Amino acid sequence: MSSRIKIIALWALAIGSSAYCALLWANFRSRCQQLRLLRQEVSNLNHAREENQLITEIIALRAEEKQTREAQQNGRAEIQTLQRENQQLRQQLDQWRAAPAVVEARRSVDVNQLRQISQFFEAYAKNHGGKFPGSFDELKYYLAADVYPGIETDRFEILESRPDGNVDPNKLPLVRSRISDTQNARAYLFADGHVEIRGAE
């Protein structure tokens, strides 16, 4: 009788152990499933965080692009405004330069300076056997110290440095204004010392 009881007890213990093991295995699988779910959620969160970061960067880039576009549009508008203003100023300047009083004043300055340059040419020719200077480099040595600084040599060009003795000095131009005025005329200095305003040749 006691041996049966032992066998039954052993069977009961085996069945109980199997049931407990089955319970532990089910619990283990359940925990593993939960762990997988947690890992998946963490992965999803990481993806969502990356997507949010990308979205934020895209929004920032779009905002920057918009600002750049607006700045370019504003810059183009400012450039166009400046170009219009420059054109207006240029027209006003051209009108001012073409004004008879301004043209006459500029001619008067050129004539006076050519008369002073005539003194330079005359003194130079006396010291160089009748030959005229080929440049204005020595101008300061032949004009008064208070006269030389006022001569705008860059406004004039030398036409003749070796005069032909057979040519009438009254008709031999030595120096003239580099640029024609608004009436297409220039100031000329002749070998005999007189100055004329002549139309472009």
Protein backbone atom coordinates (compact mmCIF):
# COMPACT_ATOMS: atom_id res chain seq x y z
CA MET A 1 0.00 0.00 0.00
CA SER A 2 2.76 2.34 0.88
CA SER A 3 4.52 1.70 -2.42
CA ARG A 4 1.36 2.78 -4.31
CA ILE A 5 1.15 5.89 -2.33
CA LYS A 6 4.75 6.64 -3.14
CA ILE A 7 4.16 6.04 -6.84
CA ILE A 8 1.09 8.27 -6.80
CA ALA A 9 3.02 10.91 -4.88
CA LEU A 10 5.84 10.73 -7.41
CA TRP A 11 3.37 11.06 -10.27
CA ALA A 12 1.73 13.98 -8.59
CA LEU A 13 5.14 15.57 -8.03
CA ALA A 14 6.10 14.97 -11.69
CA ILE A 15 2.81 16.38 -12.94
CA GLY A 16 3.16 19.38 -10.61
CA SER A 17 6.76 19.93 -11.71
CA SER A 18 5.71 19.72 -15.38
CA ALA A 19 2.89 22.17 -14.77
CA TYR A 20 5.25 24.54 -12.96
CA CYS A 21 7.81 24.26 -15.74
CA ALA A 22 5.07 24.88 -18.31
CA LEU A 23 4.01 27.95 -16.32
CA LEU A 24 7.60 29.20 -16.12
CA TRP A 25 8.04 28.65 -19.88
CA ALA A 26 4.82 30.50 -20.65
CA ASN A 27 5.93 33.35 -18.39
CA PHE A 28 9.34 33.43 -20.08
CA ARG A 29 7.77 33.57 -23.53
CA SER A 30 5.42 36.31 -22.36
CA ARG A 31 8.36 38.35 -21.03
CA CYS A 32 10.30 37.78 -24.25
CA GLN A 33 7.28 39.01 -26.22
CA GLN A 34 7.03 42.07 -24.00
CA LEU A 35 10.75 42.73 -24.44
CA ARG A 36 10.40 42.50 -28.22
CA LEU A 37 7.48 44.91 -28.10
CA LEU A 38 9.47 47.32 -25.94
CA ARG A 39 12.41 47.14 -28.30
CA GLN A 40 10.08 47.80 -31.24
CA GLU A 41 8.59 50.79 -29.44
CA VAL A 42 12.07 52.15 -28.69
CA SER A 43 13.03 51.69 -32.34
CA ASN A 44 9.83 53.43 -33.42
CA LEU A 45 10.55 56.26 -31.01
CA ASN A 46 14.07 56.65 -32.41
CA HIS A 47 12.70 56.73 -35.96
CA ALA A 48 10.08 59.26 -34.91
CA ARG A 49 12.77 61.40 -33.24
CA GLU A 50 14.91 61.28 -36.41
CA GLU A 51 11.90 62.13 -38.55
CA ASN A 52 11.04 65.05 -36.26
CA GLN A 53 14.64 66.27 -36.46
CA LEU A 54 14.56 66.01 -40.26
CA ILE A 55 11.25 67.85 -40.37
CA THR A 56 12.68 70.59 -38.15
CA GLU A 57 15.75 70.91 -40.39
CA ILE A 58 13.57 71.01 -43.50
CA ILE A 59 11.39 73.74 -41.98
CA ALA A 60 14.54 75.73 -41.05
CA LEU A 61 15.95 75.31 -44.56
CA ARG A 62 12.68 76.42 -46.14
CA ALA A 63 12.57 79.46 -43.87
CA GLU A 64 16.17 80.29 -44.78
CA GLU A 65 15.41 79.82 -48.47
CA LYS A 66 12.42 82.13 -48.14
CA GLN A 67 14.55 84.77 -46.42
CA THR A 68 17.19 84.41 -49.14
CA ARG A 69 14.55 84.82 -51.86
CA GLU A 70 13.12 87.87 -50.13
CA ALA A 71 16.60 89.33 -49.69
CA GLN A 72 17.37 88.73 -53.38
CA GLN A 73 14.08 90.33 -54.39
CA ASN A 74 14.77 93.28 -52.11
CA GLY A 75 18.32 93.48 -53.47
CA ARG A 76 17.08 93.47 -57.06
CA ALA A 77 14.54 96.14 -56.21
CA GLU A 78 17.23 98.26 -54.56
CA ILE A 79 19.54 97.79 -57.54
CA GLN A 80 16.78 98.82 -59.94
CA THR A 81 16.06 101.86 -57.77
CA LEU A 82 19.75 102.79 -57.71
CA GLN A 83 20.00 102.31 -61.48
CA ARG A 84 17.02 104.61 -62.02
CA GLU A 85 18.50 107.18 -59.66
CA ASN A 86 21.89 106.92 -61.40
CA GLN A 87 20.22 107.35 -64.77
CA GLN A 88 18.39 110.42 -63.52
CA LEU A 89 21.60 111.86 -62.04
CA ARG A 90 23.44 111.11 -65.29
CA GLN A 91 20.76 112.91 -67.27
CA GLN A 92 20.88 115.85 -64.88
CA LEU A 93 24.67 115.93 -65.13
CA ASP A 94 24.53 115.81 -68.93
CA GLN A 95 21.98 118.61 -68.91
CA TRP A 96 24.16 120.60 -66.55
CA ARG A 97 27.24 120.03 -68.69
CA ALA A 98 25.33 121.04 -71.80
CA ALA A 99 24.09 124.25 -70.22
CA PRO A 100 25.52 127.19 -72.20
CA ALA A 101 26.87 128.89 -69.08
CA VAL A 102 28.72 125.72 -68.01
CA VAL A 103 30.12 125.12 -71.51
CA GLU A 104 31.27 128.72 -71.71
CA ALA A 105 32.86 128.53 -68.25
CA ARG A 106 34.74 125.33 -69.12
CA ARG A 107 35.93 126.84 -72.39
CA SER A 108 37.09 129.93 -70.53
CA VAL A 109 39.11 127.76 -68.12
CA ASP A 110 40.64 125.79 -71.01
CA VAL A 111 41.52 128.97 -72.90
CA ASN A 112 43.20 130.52 -69.86
CA GLN A 113 45.17 127.35 -69.17
CA LEU A 114 46.26 127.08 -72.81
CA ARG A 115 47.52 130.66 -72.65
CA GLN A 116 49.61 129.72 -69.63
CA ILE A 117 50.82 126.58 -71.41
CA SER A 118 51.78 128.89 -74.30
CA GLN A 119 54.25 130.60 -71.95
CA PHE A 120 55.73 127.20 -71.16
CA PHE A 121 56.08 126.34 -74.88
CA GLU A 122 57.64 129.70 -75.70
CA ALA A 123 60.21 129.52 -72.90
CA TYR A 124 60.98 125.86 -73.69
CA ALA A 125 61.52 126.64 -77.40
CA LYS A 126 63.97 129.41 -76.55
CA ASN A 127 66.09 126.96 -74.58
CA HIS A 128 65.86 124.10 -77.11
CA GLY A 129 66.58 125.70 -80.46
CA GLY A 130 62.97 126.32 -81.40
CA LYS A 131 61.83 122.80 -80.61
CA PHE A 132 58.62 122.50 -78.57
CA PRO A 133 58.18 120.01 -75.68
CA GLY A 134 56.79 116.56 -76.40
CA SER A 135 55.21 116.23 -72.93
CA PHE A 136 54.22 118.35 -69.94
CA ASP A 137 56.86 116.76 -67.68
CA GLU A 138 58.96 119.95 -67.45
CA LEU A 139 55.99 122.32 -67.15
CA LYS A 140 56.77 123.24 -63.54
CA TYR A 141 60.24 124.50 -64.48
CA TYR A 142 58.87 127.09 -66.91
CA LEU A 143 55.79 128.41 -65.09
CA ALA A 144 55.43 130.43 -61.91
CA ALA A 145 55.07 128.38 -58.74
CA ASP A 146 51.60 129.80 -58.09
CA VAL A 147 50.47 129.05 -61.66
CA TYR A 148 51.76 125.49 -62.21
CA PRO A 149 49.49 123.65 -59.69
CA GLY A 150 46.37 124.97 -61.42
CA ILE A 151 47.22 123.55 -64.86
CA GLU A 152 45.18 120.41 -65.63
CA THR A 153 47.62 118.82 -68.05
CA ASP A 154 45.53 115.65 -68.27
CA ARG A 155 42.85 117.69 -70.08
CA PHE A 156 45.21 118.54 -72.94
CA GLU A 157 47.26 116.77 -75.57
CA ILE A 158 50.35 117.96 -77.44
CA LEU A 159 49.94 117.83 -81.22
CA GLU A 160 53.28 119.17 -82.46
CA SER A 161 56.77 119.29 -80.96
CA ARG A 162 58.88 119.79 -84.13
CA PRO A 163 57.33 122.72 -86.01
CA ASP A 164 57.89 123.05 -89.73
CA GLY A 165 59.45 126.41 -90.44
CA ASN A 166 57.47 126.65 -93.67
CA VAL A 167 54.10 126.45 -91.88
CA ASP A 168 52.39 129.68 -90.81
CA PRO A 169 52.56 129.74 -86.96
CA ASN A 170 49.09 131.22 -87.02
CA LYS A 171 47.84 127.96 -88.55
CA LEU A 172 49.99 125.42 -86.65
CA PRO A 173 48.13 123.90 -83.67
CA LEU A 174 50.43 122.79 -80.83
CA VAL A 175 48.05 121.74 -78.05
CA ARG A 176 44.31 121.07 -77.81
CA SER A 177 41.71 119.86 -75.36
CA ARG A 178 41.59 116.07 -75.22
CA ILE A 179 37.79 115.83 -75.19
CA SER A 180 35.25 117.74 -77.21
CA ASP A 181 32.66 119.65 -75.25
CA THR A 182 28.91 119.10 -75.58
CA GLN A 183 28.91 121.26 -78.69
CA ASN A 184 31.61 119.06 -80.26
CA ALA A 185 34.28 121.76 -80.03
CA ARG A 186 37.79 121.94 -78.56
CA ALA A 187 40.19 124.65 -77.47
CA TYR A 188 43.40 124.88 -79.57
CA LEU A 189 46.72 126.60 -78.86
CA PHE A 190 48.64 127.69 -81.97
CA ALA A 191 52.34 128.24 -82.51
CA ASP A 192 51.98 132.01 -82.58
CA GLY A 193 50.43 131.91 -79.06
CA HIS A 194 46.78 132.56 -79.85
CA VAL A 195 43.96 130.24 -78.73
CA GLU A 196 40.82 129.31 -80.66
CA ILE A 197 37.70 127.26 -80.11
CA ARG A 198 37.16 124.99 -83.10
CA GLY A 199 34.68 122.31 -84.01
CA ALA A 200 35.83 118.69 -84.15
CA GLU A 201 38.00 117.90 -87.17
